[in-house]
């Protein structure tokens, strides 16, 4: 019986409960985060001659209390992260994805012809 009480005690009191621990807001979960350049879309300047926009890095935005700060006061959760993360991956690895798709299709066609 003492062993049972010890098991119950360790189950309830030894684990840290995530609901009691406040979560820190992370830039990669924000909708303004540009993943491939690690920049913040919220803070940027547009060149009036070329029209190209340059954004501040996410680190500088978090370190500057006048912008987002350590508490991430301008944080907005990215509800479409499941779409944006694969987009940046595909954009960075487009050549590799095309090559593997073509090679896979080629080997599938060869095996289909051989073992038909």
PDB file of N, CA and C in Angstrom:
ATOM      1  N   UNK A   1       0.822  -1.192   0.000  1.00  0.00           N
ATOM      2  CA  UNK A   1       0.000   0.000   0.000  1.00  0.00           C
ATOM      3  C   UNK A   1       0.868   1.258   0.000  1.00  0.00           C
ATOM      4  N   UNK A   2       2.003   1.189   0.720  1.00  0.00           N
ATOM      5  CA  UNK A   2       2.887   2.349   0.744  1.00  0.00           C
ATOM      6  C   UNK A   2       3.474   2.605  -0.642  1.00  0.00           C
ATOM      7  N   UNK A   3       3.743   1.527  -1.362  1.00  0.00           N
ATOM      8  CA  UNK A   3       4.265   1.673  -2.713  1.00  0.00           C
ATOM      9  C   UNK A   3       3.234   2.348  -3.625  1.00  0.00           C
ATOM     10  N   UNK A   4       1.970   2.006  -3.452  1.00  0.00           N
ATOM     11  CA  UNK A   4       0.891   2.628  -4.222  1.00  0.00           C
ATOM     12  C   UNK A   4       0.823   4.124  -3.932  1.00  0.00           C
ATOM     13  N   UNK A   5       0.890   4.502  -2.668  1.00  0.00           N
ATOM     14  CA  UNK A   5       0.848   5.921  -2.304  1.00  0.00           C
ATOM     15  C   UNK A   5       2.074   6.658  -2.842  1.00  0.00           C
ATOM     16  N   UNK A   6       3.216   5.993  -2.844  1.00  0.00           N
ATOM     17  CA  UNK A   6       4.424   6.605  -3.387  1.00  0.00           C
ATOM     18  C   UNK A   6       4.280   6.839  -4.890  1.00  0.00           C
ATOM     19  N   UNK A   7       3.693   5.888  -5.598  1.00  0.00           N
ATOM     20  CA  UNK A   7       3.474   6.051  -7.041  1.00  0.00           C
ATOM     21  C   UNK A   7       2.519   7.206  -7.325  1.00  0.00           C
ATOM     22  N   UNK A   8       1.441   7.279  -6.558  1.00  0.00           N
ATOM     23  CA  UNK A   8       0.475   8.371  -6.733  1.00  0.00           C
ATOM     24  C   UNK A   8       1.137   9.711  -6.434  1.00  0.00           C
ATOM     25  N   UNK A   9       1.911   9.768  -5.374  1.00  0.00           N
ATOM     26  CA  UNK A   9       2.588  11.005  -4.991  1.00  0.00           C
ATOM     27  C   UNK A   9       3.540  11.464  -6.095  1.00  0.00           C
ATOM     28  N   UNK A  10       4.319  10.542  -6.632  1.00  0.00           N
ATOM     29  CA  UNK A  10       5.274  10.935  -7.673  1.00  0.00           C
ATOM     30  C   UNK A  10       4.570  11.345  -8.960  1.00  0.00           C
ATOM     31  N   UNK A  11       3.441  10.743  -9.267  1.00  0.00           N
ATOM     32  CA  UNK A  11       2.714  11.111 -10.476  1.00  0.00           C
ATOM     33  C   UNK A  11       2.154  12.526 -10.399  1.00  0.00           C
ATOM     34  N   UNK A  12       1.635  12.903  -9.241  1.00  0.00           N
ATOM     35  CA  UNK A  12       0.982  14.203  -9.121  1.00  0.00           C
ATOM     36  C   UNK A  12       1.943  15.344  -8.829  1.00  0.00           C
ATOM     37  N   UNK A  13       3.016  15.080  -8.126  1.00  0.00           N
ATOM     38  CA  UNK A  13       3.845  16.177  -7.661  1.00  0.00           C
ATOM     39  C   UNK A  13       5.227  16.250  -8.293  1.00  0.00           C
ATOM     40  N   UNK A  14       5.638  15.274  -9.051  1.00  0.00           N
ATOM     41  CA  UNK A  14       6.987  15.324  -9.606  1.00  0.00           C
ATOM     42  C   UNK A  14       7.035  15.970 -10.983  1.00  0.00           C
ATOM     43  N   UNK A  15       5.928  16.042 -11.681  1.00  0.00           N
ATOM     44  CA  UNK A  15       5.928  16.599 -13.029  1.00  0.00           C
ATOM     45  C   UNK A  15       5.582  18.079 -12.991  1.00  0.00           C
ATOM     46  N   UNK A  16       6.207  18.822 -13.884  1.00  0.00           N
ATOM     47  CA  UNK A  16       5.877  20.230 -14.028  1.00  0.00           C
ATOM     48  C   UNK A  16       4.655  20.322 -14.927  1.00  0.00           C
ATOM     49  N   UNK A  17       3.672  21.012 -14.491  1.00  0.00           N
ATOM     50  CA  UNK A  17       2.443  21.159 -15.257  1.00  0.00           C
ATOM     51  C   UNK A  17       2.599  22.306 -16.263  1.00  0.00           C
ATOM     52  N   UNK A  18       2.421  22.039 -17.551  1.00  0.00           N
ATOM     53  CA  UNK A  18       2.558  23.108 -18.537  1.00  0.00           C
ATOM     54  C   UNK A  18       1.529  24.218 -18.366  1.00  0.00           C
ATOM     55  N   UNK A  19       0.376  23.924 -17.787  1.00  0.00           N
ATOM     56  CA  UNK A  19      -0.640  24.959 -17.624  1.00  0.00           C
ATOM     57  C   UNK A  19      -0.250  25.981 -16.569  1.00  0.00           C
ATOM     58  N   UNK A  20       0.638  25.608 -15.659  1.00  0.00           N
ATOM     59  CA  UNK A  20       1.064  26.536 -14.622  1.00  0.00           C
ATOM     60  C   UNK A  20       2.280  27.357 -15.040  1.00  0.00           C
ATOM     61  N   UNK A  21       2.998  26.900 -16.049  1.00  0.00           N
ATOM     62  CA  UNK A  21       4.199  27.585 -16.499  1.00  0.00           C
ATOM     63  C   UNK A  21       3.811  28.546 -17.619  1.00  0.00           C
ATOM     64  N   UNK A  22       4.088  29.842 -17.456  1.00  0.00           N
ATOM     65  CA  UNK A  22       3.735  30.775 -18.532  1.00  0.00           C
ATOM     66  C   UNK A  22       4.625  30.548 -19.746  1.00  0.00           C
ATOM     67  N   UNK A  23       4.025  30.543 -20.920  1.00  0.00           N
ATOM     68  CA  UNK A  23       4.792  30.305 -22.139  1.00  0.00           C
ATOM     69  C   UNK A  23       5.336  31.626 -22.665  1.00  0.00           C
ATOM     70  N   UNK A  24       6.553  31.566 -23.171  1.00  0.00           N
ATOM     71  CA  UNK A  24       7.181  32.742 -23.748  1.00  0.00           C
ATOM     72  C   UNK A  24       6.818  32.797 -25.227  1.00  0.00           C
ATOM     73  N   UNK A  25       6.498  33.967 -25.704  1.00  0.00           N
ATOM     74  CA  UNK A  25       6.131  34.122 -27.107  1.00  0.00           C
ATOM     75  C   UNK A  25       7.389  34.055 -27.962  1.00  0.00           C
ATOM     76  N   UNK A  26       7.365  33.198 -28.970  1.00  0.00           N
ATOM     77  CA  UNK A  26       8.518  32.956 -29.823  1.00  0.00           C
ATOM     78  C   UNK A  26       8.234  33.556 -31.197  1.00  0.00           C
ATOM     79  N   UNK A  27       9.237  34.201 -31.752  1.00  0.00           N
ATOM     80  CA  UNK A  27       9.066  34.901 -33.031  1.00  0.00           C
ATOM     81  C   UNK A  27       8.617  33.971 -34.153  1.00  0.00           C
ATOM     82  N   UNK A  28       9.103  32.751 -34.185  1.00  0.00           N
ATOM     83  CA  UNK A  28       8.748  31.855 -35.294  1.00  0.00           C
ATOM     84  C   UNK A  28       7.258  31.502 -35.295  1.00  0.00           C
ATOM     85  N   UNK A  29       6.551  31.748 -34.184  1.00  0.00           N
ATOM     86  CA  UNK A  29       5.114  31.506 -34.124  1.00  0.00           C
ATOM     87  C   UNK A  29       4.298  32.751 -34.456  1.00  0.00           C
ATOM     88  N   UNK A  30       4.977  33.866 -34.737  1.00  0.00           N
ATOM     89  CA  UNK A  30       4.290  35.130 -35.024  1.00  0.00           C
ATOM     90  C   UNK A  30       3.982  35.229 -36.514  1.00  0.00           C
ATOM     91  N   UNK A  31       2.895  35.889 -36.841  1.00  0.00           N
ATOM     92  CA  UNK A  31       2.512  36.010 -38.247  1.00  0.00           C
ATOM     93  C   UNK A  31       3.385  36.995 -39.012  1.00  0.00           C
ATOM     94  N   UNK A  32       4.139  37.845 -38.308  1.00  0.00           N
ATOM     95  CA  UNK A  32       5.009  38.815 -38.967  1.00  0.00           C
ATOM     96  C   UNK A  32       6.412  38.271 -39.220  1.00  0.00           C
ATOM     97  N   UNK A  33       6.691  37.060 -38.781  1.00  0.00           N
ATOM     98  CA  UNK A  33       8.026  36.473 -38.910  1.00  0.00           C
ATOM     99  C   UNK A  33       8.251  35.965 -40.326  1.00  0.00           C
ATOM    100  N   UNK A  34       9.377  36.350 -40.929  1.00  0.00           N
ATOM    101  CA  UNK A  34       9.760  35.860 -42.251  1.00  0.00           C
ATOM    102  C   UNK A  34      10.810  34.792 -42.018  1.00  0.00           C
ATOM    103  N   UNK A  35      10.445  33.551 -42.233  1.00  0.00           N
ATOM    104  CA  UNK A  35      11.269  32.422 -41.834  1.00  0.00           C
ATOM    105  C   UNK A  35      12.559  32.242 -42.595  1.00  0.00           C
ATOM    106  N   UNK A  36      12.576  32.530 -43.888  1.00  0.00           N
ATOM    107  CA  UNK A  36      13.797  32.257 -44.640  1.00  0.00           C
ATOM    108  C   UNK A  36      14.892  33.285 -44.382  1.00  0.00           C
ATOM    109  N   UNK A  37      14.548  34.473 -43.935  1.00  0.00           N
ATOM    110  CA  UNK A  37      15.551  35.507 -43.659  1.00  0.00           C
ATOM    111  C   UNK A  37      15.662  35.850 -42.178  1.00  0.00           C
ATOM    112  N   UNK A  38      14.841  35.257 -41.349  1.00  0.00           N
ATOM    113  CA  UNK A  38      14.768  35.540 -39.909  1.00  0.00           C
ATOM    114  C   UNK A  38      14.579  37.042 -39.689  1.00  0.00           C
ATOM    115  N   UNK A  39      13.549  37.571 -40.317  1.00  0.00           N
ATOM    116  CA  UNK A  39      13.233  38.991 -40.230  1.00  0.00           C
ATOM    117  C   UNK A  39      11.806  39.172 -39.738  1.00  0.00           C
ATOM    118  N   UNK A  40      11.522  40.402 -39.305  1.00  0.00           N
ATOM    119  CA  UNK A  40      10.181  40.734 -38.828  1.00  0.00           C
ATOM    120  C   UNK A  40       9.520  41.657 -39.842  1.00  0.00           C
ATOM    121  N   UNK A  41       8.397  41.231 -40.382  1.00  0.00           N
ATOM    122  CA  UNK A  41       7.674  41.992 -41.394  1.00  0.00           C
ATOM    123  C   UNK A  41       7.034  43.254 -40.812  1.00  0.00           C
ATOM    124  N   UNK A  42       6.928  43.324 -39.515  1.00  0.00           N
ATOM    125  CA  UNK A  42       6.288  44.464 -38.857  1.00  0.00           C
ATOM    126  C   UNK A  42       7.152  45.726 -38.949  1.00  0.00           C
ATOM    127  N   UNK A  43       8.475  45.549 -38.960  1.00  0.00           N
ATOM    128  CA  UNK A  43       9.382  46.694 -38.943  1.00  0.00           C
ATOM    129  C   UNK A  43      10.256  46.666 -40.186  1.00  0.00           C
ATOM    130  N   UNK A  44       9.987  47.568 -41.119  1.00  0.00           N
ATOM    131  CA  UNK A  44      10.771  47.620 -42.344  1.00  0.00           C
ATOM    132  C   UNK A  44      10.716  48.994 -42.979  1.00  0.00           C
ATOM    133  N   UNK A  45      11.660  49.234 -43.862  1.00  0.00           N
ATOM    134  CA  UNK A  45      11.724  50.489 -44.605  1.00  0.00           C
ATOM    135  C   UNK A  45      11.707  50.168 -46.094  1.00  0.00           C
ATOM    136  N   UNK A  46      10.999  50.994 -46.863  1.00  0.00           N
ATOM    137  CA  UNK A  46      10.937  50.816 -48.306  1.00  0.00           C
ATOM    138  C   UNK A  46      11.829  51.847 -48.977  1.00  0.00           C
ATOM    139  N   UNK A  47      12.675  51.387 -49.869  1.00  0.00           N
ATOM    140  CA  UNK A  47      13.537  52.273 -50.634  1.00  0.00           C
ATOM    141  C   UNK A  47      12.667  52.992 -51.656  1.00  0.00           C
ATOM    142  N   UNK A  48      12.684  54.326 -51.643  1.00  0.00           N
ATOM    143  CA  UNK A  48      11.781  55.076 -52.521  1.00  0.00           C
ATOM    144  C   UNK A  48      12.227  55.041 -53.982  1.00  0.00           C
ATOM    145  N   UNK A  49      13.458  54.639 -54.241  1.00  0.00           N
ATOM    146  CA  UNK A  49      13.937  54.578 -55.623  1.00  0.00           C
ATOM    147  C   UNK A  49      13.652  53.213 -56.240  1.00  0.00           C
ATOM    148  N   UNK A  50      14.051  52.157 -55.542  1.00  0.00           N
ATOM    149  CA  UNK A  50      13.888  50.808 -56.097  1.00  0.00           C
ATOM    150  C   UNK A  50      12.567  50.166 -55.705  1.00  0.00           C
ATOM    151  N   UNK A  51      11.981  50.616 -54.620  1.00  0.00           N
ATOM    152  CA  UNK A  51      10.734  50.025 -54.147  1.00  0.00           C
ATOM    153  C   UNK A  51      10.932  48.759 -53.337  1.00  0.00           C
ATOM    154  N   UNK A  52      12.185  48.389 -53.108  1.00  0.00           N
ATOM    155  CA  UNK A  52      12.483  47.169 -52.351  1.00  0.00           C
ATOM    156  C   UNK A  52      12.366  47.453 -50.855  1.00  0.00           C
ATOM    157  N   UNK A  53      11.721  46.546 -50.159  1.00  0.00           N
ATOM    158  CA  UNK A  53      11.538  46.694 -48.719  1.00  0.00           C
ATOM    159  C   UNK A  53      12.579  45.876 -47.983  1.00  0.00           C
ATOM    160  N   UNK A  54      13.254  46.521 -47.043  1.00  0.00           N
ATOM    161  CA  UNK A  54      14.201  45.819 -46.176  1.00  0.00           C
ATOM    162  C   UNK A  54      13.611  45.789 -44.776  1.00  0.00           C
ATOM    163  N   UNK A  55      13.641  44.616 -44.165  1.00  0.00           N
ATOM    164  CA  UNK A  55      13.050  44.430 -42.850  1.00  0.00           C
ATOM    165  C   UNK A  55      14.132  44.294 -41.791  1.00  0.00           C
ATOM    166  N   UNK A  56      13.777  44.668 -40.561  1.00  0.00           N
ATOM    167  CA  UNK A  56      14.679  44.484 -39.427  1.00  0.00           C
ATOM    168  C   UNK A  56      14.738  43.009 -39.073  1.00  0.00           C
ATOM    169  N   UNK A  57      15.859  42.607 -38.497  1.00  0.00           N
ATOM    170  CA  UNK A  57      15.959  41.212 -38.068  1.00  0.00           C
ATOM    171  C   UNK A  57      15.050  40.990 -36.866  1.00  0.00           C
ATOM    172  N   UNK A  58      14.616  39.769 -36.702  1.00  0.00           N
ATOM    173  CA  UNK A  58      13.726  39.440 -35.588  1.00  0.00           C
ATOM    174  C   UNK A  58      14.436  39.653 -34.257  1.00  0.00           C
ATOM    175  N   UNK A  59      15.721  39.382 -34.221  1.00  0.00           N
ATOM    176  CA  UNK A  59      16.486  39.561 -32.982  1.00  0.00           C
ATOM    177  C   UNK A  59      16.529  41.033 -32.572  1.00  0.00           C
ATOM    178  N   UNK A  60      16.786  41.922 -33.524  1.00  0.00           N
ATOM    179  CA  UNK A  60      16.850  43.344 -33.171  1.00  0.00           C
ATOM    180  C   UNK A  60      15.484  43.870 -32.744  1.00  0.00           C
ATOM    181  N   UNK A  61      14.414  43.353 -33.339  1.00  0.00           N
ATOM    182  CA  UNK A  61      13.070  43.775 -32.931  1.00  0.00           C
ATOM    183  C   UNK A  61      12.752  43.321 -31.514  1.00  0.00           C
ATOM    184  N   UNK A  62      13.206  42.124 -31.135  1.00  0.00           N
ATOM    185  CA  UNK A  62      12.942  41.626 -29.783  1.00  0.00           C
ATOM    186  C   UNK A  62      13.833  42.286 -28.741  1.00  0.00           C
ATOM    187  N   UNK A  63      15.040  42.685 -29.126  1.00  0.00           N
ATOM    188  CA  UNK A  63      15.936  43.330 -28.173  1.00  0.00           C
ATOM    189  C   UNK A  63      15.587  44.794 -27.952  1.00  0.00           C
ATOM    190  N   UNK A  64      14.921  45.423 -28.898  1.00  0.00           N
ATOM    191  CA  UNK A  64      14.550  46.826 -28.789  1.00  0.00           C
ATOM    192  C   UNK A  64      13.184  46.936 -28.118  1.00  0.00           C
ATOM    193  N   UNK A  65      13.152  47.550 -26.948  1.00  0.00           N
ATOM    194  CA  UNK A  65      11.895  47.674 -26.198  1.00  0.00           C
ATOM    195  C   UNK A  65      10.907  48.627 -26.869  1.00  0.00           C
ATOM    196  N   UNK A  66      11.382  49.524 -27.743  1.00  0.00           N
ATOM    197  CA  UNK A  66      10.477  50.435 -28.444  1.00  0.00           C
ATOM    198  C   UNK A  66       9.736  49.731 -29.579  1.00  0.00           C
ATOM    199  N   UNK A  67      10.261  48.608 -30.033  1.00  0.00           N
ATOM    200  CA  UNK A  67       9.604  47.861 -31.106  1.00  0.00           C
ATOM    201  C   UNK A  67       8.749  46.753 -30.503  1.00  0.00           C
ATOM    202  N   UNK A  68       9.248  45.558 -30.445  1.00  0.00           N
ATOM    203  CA  UNK A  68       8.464  44.438 -29.917  1.00  0.00           C
ATOM    204  C   UNK A  68       8.860  44.114 -28.481  1.00  0.00           C
ATOM    205  N   UNK A  69      10.138  44.150 -28.204  1.00  0.00           N
ATOM    206  CA  UNK A  69      10.617  43.945 -26.844  1.00  0.00           C
ATOM    207  C   UNK A  69      10.659  42.481 -26.431  1.00  0.00           C
ATOM    208  N   UNK A  70      11.216  42.251 -25.262  1.00  0.00           N
ATOM    209  CA  UNK A  70      11.346  40.884 -24.748  1.00  0.00           C
ATOM    210  C   UNK A  70       9.987  40.246 -24.461  1.00  0.00           C
ATOM    211  N   UNK A  71       8.981  41.068 -24.165  1.00  0.00           N
ATOM    212  CA  UNK A  71       7.650  40.535 -23.864  1.00  0.00           C
ATOM    213  C   UNK A  71       6.797  40.349 -25.110  1.00  0.00           C
ATOM    214  N   UNK A  72       7.316  40.709 -26.260  1.00  0.00           N
ATOM    215  CA  UNK A  72       6.621  40.558 -27.555  1.00  0.00           C
ATOM    216  C   UNK A  72       5.246  41.211 -27.526  1.00  0.00           C
ATOM    217  N   UNK A  73       5.244  42.522 -27.310  1.00  0.00           N
ATOM    218  CA  UNK A  73       3.968  43.231 -27.173  1.00  0.00           C
ATOM    219  C   UNK A  73       3.187  43.300 -28.485  1.00  0.00           C
ATOM    220  N   UNK A  74       3.857  43.172 -29.627  1.00  0.00           N
ATOM    221  CA  UNK A  74       3.169  43.210 -30.923  1.00  0.00           C
ATOM    222  C   UNK A  74       2.995  41.824 -31.535  1.00  0.00           C
ATOM    223  N   UNK A  75       3.127  40.795 -30.728  1.00  0.00           N
ATOM    224  CA  UNK A  75       3.021  39.409 -31.187  1.00  0.00           C
ATOM    225  C   UNK A  75       1.599  39.099 -31.634  1.00  0.00           C
ATOM    226  N   UNK A  76       1.475  38.480 -32.808  1.00  0.00           N
ATOM    227  CA  UNK A  76       0.190  37.978 -33.305  1.00  0.00           C
ATOM    228  C   UNK A  76       0.415  36.542 -33.756  1.00  0.00           C
ATOM    229  N   UNK A  77      -0.343  35.613 -33.206  1.00  0.00           N
ATOM    230  CA  UNK A  77      -0.140  34.196 -33.505  1.00  0.00           C
ATOM    231  C   UNK A  77      -0.417  33.905 -34.981  1.00  0.00           C
ATOM    232  N   UNK A  78       0.456  33.108 -35.574  1.00  0.00           N
ATOM    233  CA  UNK A  78       0.307  32.689 -36.966  1.00  0.00           C
ATOM    234  C   UNK A  78      -0.556  31.431 -36.998  1.00  0.00           C
ATOM    235  N   UNK A  79      -1.798  31.575 -37.425  1.00  0.00           N
ATOM    236  CA  UNK A  79      -2.710  30.436 -37.486  1.00  0.00           C
ATOM    237  C   UNK A  79      -2.508  29.616 -38.763  1.00  0.00           C
ATOM    238  N   UNK A  80      -1.719  30.129 -39.707  1.00  0.00           N
ATOM    239  CA  UNK A  80      -1.483  29.434 -40.971  1.00  0.00           C
ATOM    240  C   UNK A  80      -0.057  28.907 -41.054  1.00  0.00           C
ATOM    241  N   UNK A  81       0.544  28.582 -39.912  1.00  0.00           N
ATOM    242  CA  UNK A  81       1.928  28.119 -39.882  1.00  0.00           C
ATOM    243  C   UNK A  81       2.098  26.818 -40.653  1.00  0.00           C
ATOM    244  N   UNK A  82       1.078  25.995 -40.675  1.00  0.00           N
ATOM    245  CA  UNK A  82       1.167  24.720 -41.390  1.00  0.00           C
ATOM    246  C   UNK A  82       1.303  24.951 -42.897  1.00  0.00           C
ATOM    247  N   UNK A  83       0.921  26.128 -43.375  1.00  0.00           N
ATOM    248  CA  UNK A  83       1.060  26.468 -44.790  1.00  0.00           C
ATOM    249  C   UNK A  83       2.358  27.226 -45.040  1.00  0.00           C
ATOM    250  N   UNK A  84       2.697  28.186 -44.183  1.00  0.00           N
ATOM    251  CA  UNK A  84       3.863  29.031 -44.437  1.00  0.00           C
ATOM    252  C   UNK A  84       5.179  28.298 -44.254  1.00  0.00           C
ATOM    253  N   UNK A  85       5.270  27.391 -43.303  1.00  0.00           N
ATOM    254  CA  UNK A  85       6.528  26.672 -43.079  1.00  0.00           C
ATOM    255  C   UNK A  85       6.893  25.791 -44.273  1.00  0.00           C
ATOM    256  N   UNK A  86       5.986  24.970 -44.814  1.00  0.00           N
ATOM    257  CA  UNK A  86       6.348  24.210 -46.022  1.00  0.00           C
ATOM    258  C   UNK A  86       6.631  25.098 -47.232  1.00  0.00           C
ATOM    259  N   UNK A  87       5.999  26.266 -47.302  1.00  0.00           N
ATOM    260  CA  UNK A  87       6.254  27.185 -48.412  1.00  0.00           C
ATOM    261  C   UNK A  87       7.707  27.628 -48.415  1.00  0.00           C
ATOM    262  N   UNK A  88       8.218  28.045 -47.245  1.00  0.00           N
ATOM    263  CA  UNK A  88       9.615  28.479 -47.170  1.00  0.00           C
ATOM    264  C   UNK A  88      10.562  27.313 -47.439  1.00  0.00           C
ATOM    265  N   UNK A  89      10.218  26.110 -46.972  1.00  0.00           N
ATOM    266  CA  UNK A  89      11.054  24.941 -47.238  1.00  0.00           C
ATOM    267  C   UNK A  89      11.102  24.653 -48.736  1.00  0.00           C
ATOM    268  N   UNK A  90       9.957  24.702 -49.393  1.00  0.00           N
ATOM    269  CA  UNK A  90       9.907  24.417 -50.829  1.00  0.00           C
ATOM    270  C   UNK A  90      10.645  25.493 -51.616  1.00  0.00           C
ATOM    271  N   UNK A  91      10.536  26.729 -51.178  1.00  0.00           N
ATOM    272  CA  UNK A  91      11.213  27.814 -51.880  1.00  0.00           C
ATOM    273  C   UNK A  91      12.733  27.690 -51.776  1.00  0.00           C
ATOM    274  N   UNK A  92      13.224  27.277 -50.613  1.00  0.00           N
ATOM    275  CA  UNK A  92      14.667  27.135 -50.430  1.00  0.00           C
ATOM    276  C   UNK A  92      15.215  25.899 -51.136  1.00  0.00           C
ATOM    277  N   UNK A  93      14.425  24.848 -51.270  1.00  0.00           N
ATOM    278  CA  UNK A  93      14.903  23.574 -51.805  1.00  0.00           C
ATOM    279  C   UNK A  93      14.212  23.198 -53.107  1.00  0.00           C
ATOM    280  N   UNK A  94      13.885  24.155 -53.929  1.00  0.00           N
ATOM    281  CA  UNK A  94      13.124  23.900 -55.148  1.00  0.00           C
ATOM    282  C   UNK A  94      13.884  22.991 -56.113  1.00  0.00           C
ATOM    283  N   UNK A  95      15.178  23.214 -56.296  1.00  0.00           N
ATOM    284  CA  UNK A  95      15.954  22.383 -57.213  1.00  0.00           C
ATOM    285  C   UNK A  95      15.986  20.930 -56.752  1.00  0.00           C
ATOM    286  N   UNK A  96      16.208  20.740 -55.452  1.00  0.00           N
ATOM    287  CA  UNK A  96      16.267  19.379 -54.924  1.00  0.00           C
ATOM    288  C   UNK A  96      14.914  18.680 -55.081  1.00  0.00           C
ATOM    289  N   UNK A  97      13.828  19.394 -54.827  1.00  0.00           N
ATOM    290  CA  UNK A  97      12.500  18.795 -54.950  1.00  0.00           C
ATOM    291  C   UNK A  97      12.190  18.420 -56.398  1.00  0.00           C
ATOM    292  N   UNK A  98      12.553  19.288 -57.337  1.00  0.00           N
ATOM    293  CA  UNK A  98      12.321  18.973 -58.749  1.00  0.00           C
ATOM    294  C   UNK A  98      13.153  17.777 -59.194  1.00  0.00           C
ATOM    295  N   UNK A  99      14.407  17.745 -58.769  1.00  0.00           N
ATOM    296  CA  UNK A  99      15.284  16.636 -59.141  1.00  0.00           C
ATOM    297  C   UNK A  99      14.774  15.311 -58.587  1.00  0.00           C
ATOM    298  N   UNK A 100      14.385  15.281 -57.329  1.00  0.00           N
ATOM    299  CA  UNK A 100      13.890  14.028 -56.747  1.00  0.00           C
ATOM    300  C   UNK A 100      12.567  13.611 -57.376  1.00  0.00           C
ATOM    301  N   UNK A 101      11.726  14.570 -57.733  1.00  0.00           N
ATOM    302  CA  UNK A 101      10.467  14.235 -58.400  1.00  0.00           C
ATOM    303  C   UNK A 101      10.726  13.627 -59.776  1.00  0.00           C
ATOM    304  N   UNK A 102      11.633  14.231 -60.531  1.00  0.00           N
ATOM    305  CA  UNK A 102      11.947  13.694 -61.860  1.00  0.00           C
ATOM    306  C   UNK A 102      12.602  12.324 -61.772  1.00  0.00           C
ATOM    307  N   UNK A 103      13.550  12.155 -60.854  1.00  0.00           N
ATOM    308  CA  UNK A 103      14.194  10.849 -60.701  1.00  0.00           C
ATOM    309  C   UNK A 103      13.205   9.787 -60.233  1.00  0.00           C
ATOM    310  N   UNK A 104      12.340  10.151 -59.314  1.00  0.00           N
ATOM    311  CA  UNK A 104      11.334   9.203 -58.843  1.00  0.00           C
ATOM    312  C   UNK A 104      10.390   8.788 -59.950  1.00  0.00           C
ATOM    313  N   UNK A 105       9.965   9.750 -60.765  1.00  0.00           N
ATOM    314  CA  UNK A 105       9.085   9.433 -61.893  1.00  0.00           C
ATOM    315  C   UNK A 105       9.792   8.552 -62.917  1.00  0.00           C
ATOM    316  N   UNK A 106      11.067   8.839 -63.167  1.00  0.00           N
ATOM    317  CA  UNK A 106      11.844   8.038 -64.112  1.00  0.00           C
ATOM    318  C   UNK A 106      11.959   6.595 -63.635  1.00  0.00           C
ATOM    319  N   UNK A 107      12.347   6.390 -62.373  1.00  0.00           N
ATOM    320  CA  UNK A 107      12.486   5.032 -61.848  1.00  0.00           C
ATOM    321  C   UNK A 107      11.144   4.311 -61.787  1.00  0.00           C
ATOM    322  N   UNK A 108      10.084   5.031 -61.493  1.00  0.00           N
ATOM    323  CA  UNK A 108       8.758   4.420 -61.497  1.00  0.00           C
ATOM    324  C   UNK A 108       8.405   3.940 -62.904  1.00  0.00           C
ATOM    325  N   UNK A 109       8.692   4.768 -63.915  1.00  0.00           N
ATOM    326  CA  UNK A 109       8.384   4.382 -65.296  1.00  0.00           C
ATOM    327  C   UNK A 109       9.219   3.181 -65.734  1.00  0.00           C
ATOM    328  N   UNK A 110      10.499   3.161 -65.366  1.00  0.00           N
ATOM    329  CA  UNK A 110      11.366   2.035 -65.730  1.00  0.00           C
ATOM    330  C   UNK A 110      10.873   0.756 -65.069  1.00  0.00           C
ATOM    331  N   UNK A 111      10.578   0.813 -63.793  1.00  0.00           N
ATOM    332  CA  UNK A 111      10.092  -0.378 -63.087  1.00  0.00           C
ATOM    333  C   UNK A 111       8.728  -0.818 -63.610  1.00  0.00           C
ATOM    334  N   UNK A 112       7.900   0.128 -63.992  1.00  0.00           N
ATOM    335  CA  UNK A 112       6.586  -0.209 -64.542  1.00  0.00           C
ATOM    336  C   UNK A 112       6.737  -0.949 -65.873  1.00  0.00           C
ATOM    337  N   UNK A 113       7.656  -0.473 -66.705  1.00  0.00           N
ATOM    338  CA  UNK A 113       7.881  -1.122 -68.001  1.00  0.00           C
ATOM    339  C   UNK A 113       8.497  -2.507 -67.822  1.00  0.00           C
ATOM    340  N   UNK A 114       9.453  -2.644 -66.908  1.00  0.00           N
ATOM    341  CA  UNK A 114      10.125  -3.925 -66.698  1.00  0.00           C
ATOM    342  C   UNK A 114       9.213  -4.982 -66.091  1.00  0.00           C
ATOM    343  N   UNK A 115       8.396  -4.605 -65.150  1.00  0.00           N
ATOM    344  CA  UNK A 115       7.586  -5.586 -64.410  1.00  0.00           C
ATOM    345  C   UNK A 115       6.108  -5.524 -64.754  1.00  0.00           C
ATOM    346  N   UNK A 116       5.777  -5.094 -65.942  1.00  0.00           N
ATOM    347  CA  UNK A 116       4.383  -5.002 -66.340  1.00  0.00           C
ATOM    348  C   UNK A 116       3.773  -6.324 -66.514  1.00  0.00           C
TER     349      UNK A 116
END
